[in-house]
C-alpha atoms as a PDB file:
ATOM      1  CA  MET A   1     -24.158  76.163   2.258  1.00  0.00           C
ATOM      2  CA  GLU A   2     -27.326  73.826   3.428  1.00  0.00           C
ATOM      3  CA  LYS A   3     -27.552  72.250  -0.051  1.00  0.00           C
ATOM      4  CA  LYS A   4     -23.763  71.458   0.234  1.00  0.00           C
ATOM      5  CA  MET A   5     -24.303  70.015   3.719  1.00  0.00           C
ATOM      6  CA  LYS A   6     -27.079  67.904   2.507  1.00  0.00           C
ATOM      7  CA  ILE A   7     -24.876  66.729  -0.306  1.00  0.00           C
ATOM      8  CA  GLY A   8     -22.156  65.967   1.937  1.00  0.00           C
ATOM      9  CA  ILE A   9     -24.176  63.951   4.421  1.00  0.00           C
ATOM     10  CA  ALA A  10     -25.712  62.106   1.748  1.00  0.00           C
ATOM     11  CA  ALA A  11     -22.154  61.019   0.329  1.00  0.00           C
ATOM     12  CA  LEU A  12     -21.389  60.047   3.916  1.00  0.00           C
ATOM     13  CA  LEU A  13     -24.140  57.821   4.307  1.00  0.00           C
ATOM     14  CA  ALA A  14     -23.467  56.289   0.731  1.00  0.00           C
ATOM     15  CA  LEU A  15     -19.925  55.730   1.838  1.00  0.00           C
ATOM     16  CA  LEU A  16     -20.783  54.224   5.212  1.00  0.00           C
ATOM     17  CA  PHE A  17     -23.480  52.007   3.366  1.00  0.00           C
ATOM     18  CA  ALA A  18     -21.016  50.755   0.968  1.00  0.00           C
ATOM     19  CA  ALA A  19     -18.381  50.111   3.500  1.00  0.00           C
ATOM     20  CA  SER A  20     -20.935  48.390   5.801  1.00  0.00           C
ATOM     21  CA  CYS A  21     -21.658  46.258   2.475  1.00  0.00           C
ATOM     22  CA  SER A  22     -17.819  45.390   2.056  1.00  0.00           C
ATOM     23  CA  VAL A  23     -17.552  44.311   5.611  1.00  0.00           C
ATOM     24  CA  GLU A  24     -20.580  41.952   5.426  1.00  0.00           C
ATOM     25  CA  LYS A  25     -19.161  40.596   2.343  1.00  0.00           C
ATOM     26  CA  LEU A  26     -15.825  39.982   3.784  1.00  0.00           C
ATOM     27  CA  ALA A  27     -17.392  38.331   6.856  1.00  0.00           C
ATOM     28  CA  LEU A  28     -19.532  35.821   4.606  1.00  0.00           C
ATOM     29  CA  LYS A  29     -16.403  35.285   2.577  1.00  0.00           C
ATOM     30  CA  LYS A  30     -14.750  34.167   5.607  1.00  0.00           C
ATOM     31  CA  VAL A  31     -17.430  32.041   6.750  1.00  0.00           C
ATOM     32  CA  ALA A  32     -17.666  30.387   3.436  1.00  0.00           C
ATOM     33  CA  GLY A  33     -13.965  29.795   3.496  1.00  0.00           C
ATOM     34  CA  MET A  34     -14.191  28.053   6.811  1.00  0.00           C
ATOM     35  CA  MET A  35     -17.059  25.934   5.801  1.00  0.00           C
ATOM     36  CA  THR A  36     -15.568  24.914   2.579  1.00  0.00           C
ATOM     37  CA  SER A  37     -12.179  24.157   3.897  1.00  0.00           C
ATOM     38  CA  PRO A  38     -10.408  20.604   3.424  1.00  0.00           C
ATOM     39  CA  GLY A  39     -11.436  18.356   6.224  1.00  0.00           C
ATOM     40  CA  SER A  40     -14.621  20.500   7.175  1.00  0.00           C
ATOM     41  CA  GLY A  41     -17.084  17.679   5.594  1.00  0.00           C
ATOM     42  CA  GLY A  42     -15.405  15.200   8.278  1.00  0.00           C
ATOM     43  CA  VAL A  43     -18.352  15.789  10.840  1.00  0.00           C
ATOM     44  CA  PHE A  44     -20.636  14.248   8.374  1.00  0.00           C
ATOM     45  CA  THR A  45     -18.400  11.384   6.644  1.00  0.00           C
ATOM     46  CA  GLN A  46     -16.802  10.347   9.820  1.00  0.00           C
ATOM     47  CA  ASP A  47     -20.121   9.929  11.571  1.00  0.00           C
ATOM     48  CA  ASN A  48     -21.563   6.410  12.587  1.00  0.00           C
ATOM     49  CA  ASP A  49     -25.045   7.252  12.752  1.00  0.00           C
ATOM     50  CA  PRO A  50     -26.697   7.748   9.368  1.00  0.00           C
ATOM     51  CA  GLU A  51     -29.906   8.966  10.838  1.00  0.00           C
ATOM     52  CA  LEU A  52     -28.363  11.812  12.609  1.00  0.00           C
ATOM     53  CA  VAL A  53     -26.406  12.849   9.347  1.00  0.00           C
ATOM     54  CA  GLY A  54     -29.645  12.159   7.192  1.00  0.00           C
ATOM     55  CA  ASP A  55     -31.719  14.484   9.471  1.00  0.00           C
ATOM     56  CA  ALA A  56     -29.014  17.158   9.554  1.00  0.00           C
ATOM     57  CA  LEU A  57     -28.134  17.450   5.917  1.00  0.00           C
ATOM     58  CA  PRO A  58     -31.384  19.253   4.668  1.00  0.00           C
ATOM     59  CA  PHE A  59     -30.522  22.321   7.126  1.00  0.00           C
ATOM     60  CA  ALA A  60     -26.732  22.123   6.244  1.00  0.00           C
ATOM     61  CA  ILE A  61     -27.652  22.215   2.348  1.00  0.00           C
ATOM     62  CA  LYS A  62     -30.076  25.161   2.935  1.00  0.00           C
ATOM     63  CA  LEU A  63     -27.313  26.897   4.904  1.00  0.00           C
ATOM     64  CA  TYR A  64     -24.911  26.482   2.343  1.00  0.00           C
ATOM     65  CA  GLU A  65     -27.407  27.550  -0.407  1.00  0.00           C
ATOM     66  CA  THR A  66     -28.165  30.780   1.344  1.00  0.00           C
ATOM     67  CA  LEU A  67     -24.604  31.632   1.432  1.00  0.00           C
ATOM     68  CA  LEU A  68     -24.329  30.758  -2.185  1.00  0.00           C
ATOM     69  CA  THR A  69     -26.924  33.268  -2.978  1.00  0.00           C
ATOM     70  CA  SER A  70     -25.076  36.032  -1.446  1.00  0.00           C
ATOM     71  CA  LEU A  71     -21.500  34.607  -2.859  1.00  0.00           C
ATOM     72  CA  PRO A  72     -22.491  33.318  -6.413  1.00  0.00           C
ATOM     73  CA  ASP A  73     -18.945  33.420  -7.565  1.00  0.00           C
ATOM     74  CA  HIS A  74     -17.594  31.421  -4.590  1.00  0.00           C
ATOM     75  CA  GLU A  75     -16.468  28.255  -6.104  1.00  0.00           C
ATOM     76  CA  GLY A  76     -16.073  26.326  -2.986  1.00  0.00           C
ATOM     77  CA  LEU A  77     -19.660  27.039  -1.667  1.00  0.00           C
ATOM     78  CA  ARG A  78     -20.896  26.082  -5.318  1.00  0.00           C
ATOM     79  CA  LEU A  79     -19.319  22.796  -5.360  1.00  0.00           C
ATOM     80  CA  VAL A  80     -20.185  21.798  -1.670  1.00  0.00           C
ATOM     81  CA  THR A  81     -23.894  22.865  -2.270  1.00  0.00           C
ATOM     82  CA  GLY A  82     -24.263  20.882  -5.483  1.00  0.00           C
ATOM     83  CA  SER A  83     -22.463  17.717  -4.138  1.00  0.00           C
ATOM     84  CA  LEU A  84     -24.524  17.810  -0.995  1.00  0.00           C
ATOM     85  CA  TYR A  85     -27.832  17.814  -2.961  1.00  0.00           C
ATOM     86  CA  ILE A  86     -26.563  14.758  -4.757  1.00  0.00           C
ATOM     87  CA  THR A  87     -25.149  12.901  -1.781  1.00  0.00           C
ATOM     88  CA  TYR A  88     -28.303  13.617   0.035  1.00  0.00           C
ATOM     89  CA  ALA A  89     -30.310  12.449  -2.890  1.00  0.00           C
ATOM     90  CA  ASN A  90     -28.415   9.171  -3.278  1.00  0.00           C
ATOM     91  CA  ALA A  91     -27.772   7.947   0.331  1.00  0.00           C
ATOM     92  CA  PHE A  92     -31.108   9.338   1.891  1.00  0.00           C
ATOM     93  CA  ILE A  93     -33.691   9.306  -0.492  1.00  0.00           C
ATOM     94  CA  GLN A  94     -32.821   6.877  -3.543  1.00  0.00           C
ATOM     95  CA  THR A  95     -31.439   4.292  -1.347  1.00  0.00           C
ATOM     96  CA  PRO A  96     -34.520   4.202   1.084  1.00  0.00           C
ATOM     97  CA  ALA A  97     -36.684   4.050  -2.253  1.00  0.00           C
ATOM     98  CA  ASP A  98     -34.761   0.895  -3.348  1.00  0.00           C
ATOM     99  CA  MET A  99     -35.450  -0.641  -0.081  1.00  0.00           C
ATOM    100  CA  THR A 100     -39.037   0.251   0.186  1.00  0.00           C
ATOM    101  CA  PRO A 101     -41.171  -2.939  -0.587  1.00  0.00           C
ATOM    102  CA  LYS A 102     -42.322  -3.028  -4.039  1.00  0.00           C
ATOM    103  CA  ARG A 103     -45.925  -3.460  -2.729  1.00  0.00           C
ATOM    104  CA  ASP A 104     -45.727   0.207  -1.277  1.00  0.00           C
ATOM    105  CA  LEU A 105     -45.814   1.458  -4.929  1.00  0.00           C
ATOM    106  CA  GLU A 106     -46.846   5.183  -3.879  1.00  0.00           C
ATOM    107  CA  THR A 107     -44.302   5.765  -1.439  1.00  0.00           C
ATOM    108  CA  ARG A 108     -41.479   4.109  -3.750  1.00  0.00           C
ATOM    109  CA  GLU A 109     -42.504   6.385  -6.871  1.00  0.00           C
ATOM    110  CA  PHE A 110     -42.784   9.609  -4.327  1.00  0.00           C
ATOM    111  CA  LEU A 111     -39.169   8.943  -3.267  1.00  0.00           C
ATOM    112  CA  PHE A 112     -37.828   8.292  -6.692  1.00  0.00           C
ATOM    113  CA  ARG A 113     -39.424  11.469  -7.965  1.00  0.00           C
ATOM    114  CA  ARG A 114     -37.700  13.295  -5.131  1.00  0.00           C
ATOM    115  CA  ALA A 115     -34.452  11.890  -5.591  1.00  0.00           C
ATOM    116  CA  LYS A 116     -34.620  12.871  -9.385  1.00  0.00           C
ATOM    117  CA  ASN A 117     -35.528  16.261  -8.577  1.00  0.00           C
ATOM    118  CA  LEU A 118     -32.675  16.810  -5.924  1.00  0.00           C
ATOM    119  CA  TYR A 119     -30.094  14.932  -8.156  1.00  0.00           C
ATOM    120  CA  LEU A 120     -30.944  17.478 -11.097  1.00  0.00           C
ATOM    121  CA  ARG A 121     -31.119  20.574  -8.645  1.00  0.00           C
ATOM    122  CA  GLY A 122     -27.397  19.524  -7.404  1.00  0.00           C
ATOM    123  CA  ARG A 123     -26.263  19.050 -11.163  1.00  0.00           C
ATOM    124  CA  ASP A 124     -27.570  22.473 -12.213  1.00  0.00           C
ATOM    125  CA  ILE A 125     -26.019  24.337  -9.393  1.00  0.00           C
ATOM    126  CA  LEU A 126     -22.693  22.752 -10.451  1.00  0.00           C
ATOM    127  CA  LEU A 127     -23.300  23.462 -14.071  1.00  0.00           C
ATOM    128  CA  VAL A 128     -23.202  27.226 -13.400  1.00  0.00           C
ATOM    129  CA  HIS A 129     -19.635  26.901 -12.875  1.00  0.00           C
ATOM    130  CA  LEU A 130     -18.959  24.737 -15.901  1.00  0.00           C
ATOM    131  CA  GLU A 131     -20.935  27.019 -18.112  1.00  0.00           C
ATOM    132  CA  LYS A 132     -19.227  30.266 -16.876  1.00  0.00           C
ATOM    133  CA  LYS A 133     -15.906  28.685 -18.098  1.00  0.00           C
ATOM    134  CA  ASN A 134     -17.585  27.479 -21.338  1.00  0.00           C
ATOM    135  CA  PRO A 135     -20.731  29.316 -22.221  1.00  0.00           C
ATOM    136  CA  ALA A 136     -21.043  26.925 -25.056  1.00  0.00           C
ATOM    137  CA  LEU A 137     -21.005  23.865 -23.047  1.00  0.00           C
ATOM    138  CA  MET A 138     -24.540  22.480 -23.272  1.00  0.00           C
ATOM    139  CA  ASP A 139     -24.783  23.046 -26.958  1.00  0.00           C
ATOM    140  CA  GLN A 140     -21.569  21.560 -27.545  1.00  0.00           C
ATOM    141  CA  LEU A 141     -22.240  18.494 -25.409  1.00  0.00           C
ATOM    142  CA  LYS A 142     -25.580  18.059 -27.014  1.00  0.00           C
ATOM    143  CA  ASN A 143     -24.047  18.011 -30.628  1.00  0.00           C
ATOM    144  CA  ARG A 144     -21.364  15.477 -29.214  1.00  0.00           C
ATOM    145  CA  ARG A 145     -18.392  18.030 -29.768  1.00  0.00           C
ATOM    146  CA  TYR A 146     -17.212  16.408 -26.545  1.00  0.00           C
ATOM    147  CA  ARG A 147     -13.335  17.408 -26.907  1.00  0.00           C
ATOM    148  CA  GLU A 148     -14.169  21.178 -27.710  1.00  0.00           C
ATOM    149  CA  ALA A 149     -16.884  21.304 -25.121  1.00  0.00           C
ATOM    150  CA  LEU A 150     -14.215  20.113 -22.187  1.00  0.00           C
ATOM    151  CA  ALA A 151     -10.913  21.211 -23.485  1.00  0.00           C
ATOM    152  CA  VAL A 152     -11.010  24.194 -21.285  1.00  0.00           C
ATOM    153  CA  PHE A 153     -11.371  22.205 -18.053  1.00  0.00           C
ATOM    154  CA  GLY A 154      -8.378  21.226 -16.190  1.00  0.00           C
ATOM    155  CA  ARG A 155      -7.372  19.460 -12.950  1.00  0.00           C
ATOM    156  CA  GLN A 156      -8.864  22.093 -10.762  1.00  0.00           C
ATOM    157  CA  ASP A 157     -12.363  21.651 -12.302  1.00  0.00           C
ATOM    158  CA  ALA A 158     -12.513  17.948 -11.504  1.00  0.00           C
ATOM    159  CA  GLY A 159     -14.865  18.179  -8.681  1.00  0.00           C
ATOM    160  CA  PHE A 160     -17.393  20.113 -10.697  1.00  0.00           C
ATOM    161  CA  LEU A 161     -17.005  17.563 -13.628  1.00  0.00           C
ATOM    162  CA  TYR A 162     -17.264  14.616 -11.223  1.00  0.00           C
ATOM    163  CA  TRP A 163     -20.353  15.861  -9.254  1.00  0.00           C
ATOM    164  CA  THR A 164     -22.094  17.004 -12.356  1.00  0.00           C
ATOM    165  CA  ALA A 165     -21.796  13.709 -14.070  1.00  0.00           C
ATOM    166  CA  LEU A 166     -22.719  11.781 -10.798  1.00  0.00           C
ATOM    167  CA  GLY A 167     -25.975  13.842 -10.496  1.00  0.00           C
ATOM    168  CA  TRP A 168     -26.832  13.581 -14.221  1.00  0.00           C
ATOM    169  CA  VAL A 169     -26.582   9.911 -14.171  1.00  0.00           C
ATOM    170  CA  GLY A 170     -28.110   9.541 -10.728  1.00  0.00           C
ATOM    171  CA  ALA A 171     -31.191  11.209 -11.984  1.00  0.00           C
ATOM    172  CA  PHE A 172     -31.678   8.594 -14.711  1.00  0.00           C
ATOM    173  CA  GLY A 173     -31.138   5.900 -12.314  1.00  0.00           C
ATOM    174  CA  THR A 174     -34.246   7.087 -10.447  1.00  0.00           C
ATOM    175  CA  ASP A 175     -36.251   6.970 -13.706  1.00  0.00           C
ATOM    176  CA  PRO A 176     -34.807   4.513 -16.254  1.00  0.00           C
ATOM    177  CA  PHE A 177     -37.908   4.562 -18.359  1.00  0.00           C
ATOM    178  CA  ASP A 178     -37.212   8.544 -19.209  1.00  0.00           C
ATOM    179  CA  MET A 179     -35.617   7.595 -22.481  1.00  0.00           C
ATOM    180  CA  LYS A 180     -35.486  11.219 -23.747  1.00  0.00           C
ATOM    181  CA  PHE A 181     -33.178  11.754 -20.752  1.00  0.00           C
ATOM    182  CA  GLY A 182     -31.483   8.516 -20.974  1.00  0.00           C
ATOM    183  CA  LEU A 183     -30.186   9.776 -24.533  1.00  0.00           C
ATOM    184  CA  THR A 184     -28.189  12.514 -22.793  1.00  0.00           C
ATOM    185  CA  LEU A 185     -26.031  10.101 -20.555  1.00  0.00           C
ATOM    186  CA  PRO A 186     -23.093  10.152 -23.135  1.00  0.00           C
ATOM    187  CA  GLN A 187     -22.973  13.832 -22.253  1.00  0.00           C
ATOM    188  CA  ALA A 188     -22.635  12.907 -18.669  1.00  0.00           C
ATOM    189  CA  ALA A 189     -20.183  10.223 -19.359  1.00  0.00           C
ATOM    190  CA  SER A 190     -17.998  12.562 -21.410  1.00  0.00           C
ATOM    191  CA  LEU A 191     -17.669  14.886 -18.242  1.00  0.00           C
ATOM    192  CA  MET A 192     -16.370  12.099 -16.220  1.00  0.00           C
ATOM    193  CA  GLU A 193     -14.143  10.917 -19.114  1.00  0.00           C
ATOM    194  CA  ARG A 194     -12.425  14.589 -18.672  1.00  0.00           C
ATOM    195  CA  VAL A 195     -12.067  13.782 -14.869  1.00  0.00           C
ATOM    196  CA  HIS A 196     -10.273  10.593 -15.794  1.00  0.00           C
ATOM    197  CA  GLN A 197      -8.105  12.391 -18.209  1.00  0.00           C
ATOM    198  CA  VAL A 198      -7.140  15.456 -15.776  1.00  0.00           C
ATOM    199  CA  ASP A 199      -7.243  13.689 -12.416  1.00  0.00           C
ATOM    200  CA  PRO A 200      -7.427   9.967 -12.582  1.00  0.00           C
ATOM    201  CA  GLY A 201      -6.818   9.490  -9.150  1.00  0.00           C
ATOM    202  CA  TYR A 202      -9.610  11.816  -8.062  1.00  0.00           C
ATOM    203  CA  ASP A 203     -11.081  11.125  -4.642  1.00  0.00           C
ATOM    204  CA  GLN A 204      -9.113   7.795  -4.380  1.00  0.00           C
ATOM    205  CA  ALA A 205     -11.429   5.465  -6.635  1.00  0.00           C
ATOM    206  CA  ALA A 206     -14.502   7.761  -7.047  1.00  0.00           C
ATOM    207  CA  VAL A 207     -14.185   7.642 -10.816  1.00  0.00           C
ATOM    208  CA  GLU A 208     -13.625   3.843 -11.060  1.00  0.00           C
ATOM    209  CA  LEU A 209     -16.725   3.465  -8.845  1.00  0.00           C
ATOM    210  CA  PHE A 210     -18.655   5.609 -11.266  1.00  0.00           C
ATOM    211  CA  TYR A 211     -17.910   3.490 -14.158  1.00  0.00           C
ATOM    212  CA  ILE A 212     -18.726   0.305 -12.219  1.00  0.00           C
ATOM    213  CA  TYR A 213     -22.336   1.514 -12.121  1.00  0.00           C
ATOM    214  CA  TYR A 214     -22.272   3.324 -15.535  1.00  0.00           C
ATOM    215  CA  TYR A 215     -21.307   0.251 -17.477  1.00  0.00           C
ATOM    216  CA  GLY A 216     -22.740  -2.364 -15.306  1.00  0.00           C
ATOM    217  CA  SER A 217     -26.295  -1.096 -15.048  1.00  0.00           C
ATOM    218  CA  LEU A 218     -27.047   0.380 -18.412  1.00  0.00           C
ATOM    219  CA  PRO A 219     -28.176  -1.899 -21.265  1.00  0.00           C
ATOM    220  CA  GLU A 220     -25.782  -2.663 -24.144  1.00  0.00           C
ATOM    221  CA  TYR A 221     -27.507  -0.339 -26.561  1.00  0.00           C
ATOM    222  CA  MET A 222     -27.072   2.545 -24.197  1.00  0.00           C
ATOM    223  CA  GLY A 223     -23.302   2.029 -23.794  1.00  0.00           C
ATOM    224  CA  GLY A 224     -23.367  -0.783 -20.939  1.00  0.00           C
ATOM    225  CA  ASP A 225     -20.466  -3.135 -20.843  1.00  0.00           C
ATOM    226  CA  LEU A 226     -20.283  -5.657 -18.078  1.00  0.00           C
ATOM    227  CA  LYS A 227     -16.427  -6.241 -19.140  1.00  0.00           C
ATOM    228  CA  LYS A 228     -15.560  -2.937 -18.673  1.00  0.00           C
ATOM    229  CA  ALA A 229     -17.536  -2.627 -15.390  1.00  0.00           C
ATOM    230  CA  ARG A 230     -15.418  -5.546 -13.979  1.00  0.00           C
ATOM    231  CA  GLU A 231     -12.170  -3.866 -15.049  1.00  0.00           C
ATOM    232  CA  HIS A 232     -13.074  -0.759 -13.134  1.00  0.00           C
ATOM    233  CA  PHE A 233     -14.022  -2.785 -10.321  1.00  0.00           C
ATOM    234  CA  GLU A 234     -10.531  -4.333 -10.313  1.00  0.00           C
ATOM    235  CA  ARG A 235      -9.044  -1.000 -10.145  1.00  0.00           C
ATOM    236  CA  ALA A 236     -11.270   0.340  -7.452  1.00  0.00           C
ATOM    237  CA  LYS A 237     -10.461  -2.822  -5.472  1.00  0.00           C
ATOM    238  CA  THR A 238      -6.592  -1.977  -5.919  1.00  0.00           C
ATOM    239  CA  VAL A 239      -6.974   1.649  -5.048  1.00  0.00           C
ATOM    240  CA  SER A 240      -9.559   1.704  -2.103  1.00  0.00           C
ATOM    241  CA  GLY A 241     -10.258  -1.980  -1.353  1.00  0.00           C
ATOM    242  CA  GLU A 242      -8.730  -1.543   2.195  1.00  0.00           C
ATOM    243  CA  THR A 243     -10.860   1.662   3.218  1.00  0.00           C
ATOM    244  CA  ASN A 244     -14.091   1.492   1.354  1.00  0.00           C
ATOM    245  CA  THR A 245     -16.741  -1.060   0.300  1.00  0.00           C
ATOM    246  CA  SER A 246     -18.528   0.831  -2.303  1.00  0.00           C
ATOM    247  CA  HIS A 247     -16.960  -1.082  -5.155  1.00  0.00           C
ATOM    248  CA  LEU A 248     -18.232  -4.316  -3.559  1.00  0.00           C
ATOM    249  CA  VAL A 249     -21.909  -3.064  -3.512  1.00  0.00           C
ATOM    250  CA  ALA A 250     -21.590  -1.419  -6.708  1.00  0.00           C
ATOM    251  CA  LEU A 251     -20.664  -5.055  -8.668  1.00  0.00           C
ATOM    252  CA  ALA A 252     -23.245  -6.850  -6.729  1.00  0.00           C
ATOM    253  CA  VAL A 253     -26.236  -4.744  -7.679  1.00  0.00           C
ATOM    254  CA  THR A 254     -25.113  -4.451 -11.268  1.00  0.00           C
ATOM    255  CA  VAL A 255     -23.053  -6.938 -12.896  1.00  0.00           C
ATOM    256  CA  CYS A 256     -23.734  -9.871 -10.531  1.00  0.00           C
ATOM    257  CA  VAL A 257     -27.523  -9.439 -10.827  1.00  0.00           C
ATOM    258  CA  LYS A 258     -27.312  -9.054 -14.700  1.00  0.00           C
ATOM    259  CA  GLU A 259     -25.292 -12.115 -14.915  1.00  0.00           C
ATOM    260  CA  GLN A 260     -27.496 -13.763 -12.416  1.00  0.00           C
ATOM    261  CA  ASN A 261     -24.396 -14.909 -10.451  1.00  0.00           C
ATOM    262  CA  ALA A 262     -26.072 -15.229  -7.052  1.00  0.00           C
ATOM    263  CA  ALA A 263     -22.868 -16.715  -5.485  1.00  0.00           C
ATOM    264  CA  GLU A 264     -20.732 -13.720  -6.402  1.00  0.00           C
ATOM    265  CA  PHE A 265     -23.371 -11.579  -5.164  1.00  0.00           C
ATOM    266  CA  ARG A 266     -23.549 -13.282  -1.608  1.00  0.00           C
ATOM    267  CA  ASP A 267     -19.785 -13.196  -1.445  1.00  0.00           C
ATOM    268  CA  LEU A 268     -19.219  -9.558  -2.304  1.00  0.00           C
ATOM    269  CA  LEU A 269     -22.132  -8.463   0.201  1.00  0.00           C
ATOM    270  CA  SER A 270     -20.773 -10.911   3.007  1.00  0.00           C
ATOM    271  CA  GLN A 271     -17.572  -9.139   2.659  1.00  0.00           C
ATOM    272  CA  VAL A 272     -19.111  -5.811   3.138  1.00  0.00           C
ATOM    273  CA  LEU A 273     -20.823  -7.149   6.161  1.00  0.00           C
ATOM    274  CA  LYS A 274     -17.639  -8.256   7.593  1.00  0.00           C
ATOM    275  CA  PHE A 275     -15.677  -5.025   7.061  1.00  0.00           C
ATOM    276  CA  ASP A 276     -14.680  -2.862   9.907  1.00  0.00           C
ATOM    277  CA  ALA A 277     -16.247   0.552   9.399  1.00  0.00           C
ATOM    278  CA  ASP A 278     -14.001   2.210  11.913  1.00  0.00           C
ATOM    279  CA  ARG A 279     -10.755   1.063   9.607  1.00  0.00           C
ATOM    280  CA  LEU A 280     -10.797   4.607   7.999  1.00  0.00           C
ATOM    281  CA  PRO A 281     -12.702   7.228  10.113  1.00  0.00           C
ATOM    282  CA  ASP A 282     -13.023   9.442   6.814  1.00  0.00           C
ATOM    283  CA  ASN A 283     -15.084   6.613   5.253  1.00  0.00           C
ATOM    284  CA  ARG A 284     -17.098   5.553   8.216  1.00  0.00           C
ATOM    285  CA  LEU A 285     -20.446   6.950   7.206  1.00  0.00           C
ATOM    286  CA  VAL A 286     -20.427   5.274   3.653  1.00  0.00           C
ATOM    287  CA  ASN A 287     -19.224   1.874   5.101  1.00  0.00           C
ATOM    288  CA  VAL A 288     -21.934   1.735   7.833  1.00  0.00           C
ATOM    289  CA  LEU A 289     -24.431   2.597   5.001  1.00  0.00           C
ATOM    290  CA  ASN A 290     -23.068   0.040   2.655  1.00  0.00           C
ATOM    291  CA  ARG A 291     -23.185  -2.554   5.625  1.00  0.00           C
ATOM    292  CA  ARG A 292     -26.900  -1.844   5.891  1.00  0.00           C
ATOM    293  CA  LYS A 293     -27.712  -1.950   2.229  1.00  0.00           C
ATOM    294  CA  ALA A 294     -25.380  -5.226   2.039  1.00  0.00           C
ATOM    295  CA  LYS A 295     -27.855  -6.770   4.764  1.00  0.00           C
ATOM    296  CA  TRP A 296     -31.045  -5.722   3.042  1.00  0.00           C
ATOM    297  CA  LEU A 297     -30.009  -7.159  -0.221  1.00  0.00           C
ATOM    298  CA  LEU A 298     -29.050 -10.454   1.107  1.00  0.00           C
ATOM    299  CA  ASP A 299     -32.473 -10.713   2.931  1.00  0.00           C
ATOM    300  CA  ASN A 300     -34.080  -9.838  -0.145  1.00  0.00           C
ATOM    301  CA  ILE A 301     -31.956 -11.922  -2.562  1.00  0.00           C
ATOM    302  CA  ASP A 302     -34.941 -13.834  -3.950  1.00  0.00           C
ATOM    303  CA  ASP A 303     -36.146 -10.701  -5.486  1.00  0.00           C
ATOM    304  CA  PHE A 304     -32.962 -10.401  -7.853  1.00  0.00           C
ATOM    305  CA  PHE A 305     -32.378 -13.869  -8.840  1.00  0.00           C
ATOM    306  CA  ILE A 306     -34.668 -16.256 -10.868  1.00  0.00           C
ATOM    307  CA  GLU A 307     -32.884 -19.263  -9.402  1.00  0.00           C
ATOM    308  CA  LEU A 308     -30.931 -19.762  -6.252  1.00  0.00           C
ATOM    309  CA  ASP A 309     -28.600 -22.718  -5.488  1.00  0.00           C
ATOM    310  CA  GLY A 310     -30.158 -23.723  -2.134  1.00  0.00           C
ATOM    311  CA  ASN A 311     -27.936 -21.622  -0.013  1.00  0.00           C
ATOM    312  CA  SER A 312     -29.956 -18.487  -0.005  1.00  0.00           C
ATOM    313  CA  GLU A 313     -30.495 -17.949   3.799  1.00  0.00           C
ATOM    314  CA  PRO A 314     -30.792 -14.312   4.733  1.00  0.00           C
ATOM    315  CA  ALA A 315     -27.854 -12.637   6.474  1.00  0.00           C
ATOM    316  CA  GLY A 316     -27.486 -13.139  10.110  1.00  0.00           C
ATOM    317  CA  GLN A 317     -29.527 -11.151  12.367  1.00  0.00           C
ATOM    318  CA  GLU A 318     -26.790  -9.625  14.229  1.00  0.00           C
ATOM    319  CA  ASP A 319     -27.114  -5.772  14.772  1.00  0.00           C
ATOM    320  CA  ILE A 320     -26.185  -3.872  11.712  1.00  0.00           C
ATOM    321  CA  GLN A 321     -25.733  -0.098  12.530  1.00  0.00           C
END
């Protein structure tokens, strides 16, 4: 009798523990659902204070990553976590590195190394989802069997494909002399091409913006094509020209610099400075960041052009947020 009672108590405790775990899992899923619901990122994207967002993002990223550890199959959490790593690397690590004086070589190199690490961390978090749907993905991409590798992915995977490609190419942008890594860029481009196929209007002109940088910054032998970059610029301008200035900055720092077209460089960045960042609240943060970068680029125009036409005065000293 006593033995049966002990067995019964043990079974009851096991049942209670399982129920507790189940309740905890349900609670975590509910929190994760709230944190990844449409519009939840507005507290960041609508902000007009980049420093506030930059200081807050590391905590937010680790919070999402902690939840992801408990809910590894939660697609929304995985997408947000990976994309936040990539966003942070770009806006708050690589961009400050680009704007650090070249004489401060040690700081620049440290920031670029850190950005590369975070880009790849975000990319690899996202790859987990893609490889779950196609376990042979990386091997097929490596062997340039792109159609076979990506056939399984549809519109519902556009976010994972887009951000994976962005983190991949972003990492190379921090270390363009890593030619071994550079040889993998066609694999990243194939992911973005799949996004273009299944959801060409993904996030307004996000795909077009990617291609401006991709074709505009790479040398020809690696797939660079200034004509294609301009074509994607025109499409981006049509789609998001009234709400977002990112395409203006993208063309200026890639095609204009390569063609040594200082006049167009000034014109594009002047448009960025004049743009009302409050025109679309959802894009406020990116447009404020673009204004800061545009001002810095105009103030340092001599670093990008061998010859100027005499109209190289830096941007006005008005307060740029």
